[in-house]
């Protein structure tokens, strides 16, 4: 009795895995949504369907807005935070032939925790992400353009107080550059000052196509 015929794997199936890192006001979330709908990243969309876009920035440890979560957890939630990262890693491993767009992840956690006197090593996580084909994009903004970005954001923000001190973002951007440079994942630093999402998506697509990271292994 013959076994069912399986389709031959080709480079036609897009399943990119992209982690977007960067401080606030660098348009990470806008870029995440644009990537998730871009034909060069996830294929042409003839109709709407579920495509995963996840974030460590969700305030999932608190029953109120802008509370603690996977980035800014307190020491009492350390075990839960690390288990959550391990759970995400296992979920990626179980579903390797799918696209995953991640809006802030472990580097943001390392940066926030370091600023508050706590040190975490996520080398174990990157060892699991690397063979799955995860790529890291660090979104940045020119320091002299944060003021303009804040003015634009204040027209829509529900928590404007978080943008009072722009030096916090500039300091975090410097730290994220340091952490990204030390990462084991393929890295692209992307200047988002001009906010051109189409150009940013195409640059990411070009970069990942060159490495083979757009397609299933």
Foldseek 3Di string as FASTA:
>chain_A
DDDDDDDDFDQPQFAFEEEEDAFPLLCLVVLLVCLQQDCLFHRHDPDDDDAAEEEQQAQPVDPDPPHHGLQRDDPVCVVVNVVVLVVVLVVCVVVLQHHYYYRYDDLSNQLNVVVVPDHDDCPVSLVSVAVSLYAYEYGDEPLVQLVVSLVVCVVPDPCSVVSPDCVVRVVSRVSSVVVQVVGPHHYDYDYCHVVPSVVVSVVVSVVCVVVSNGGGD
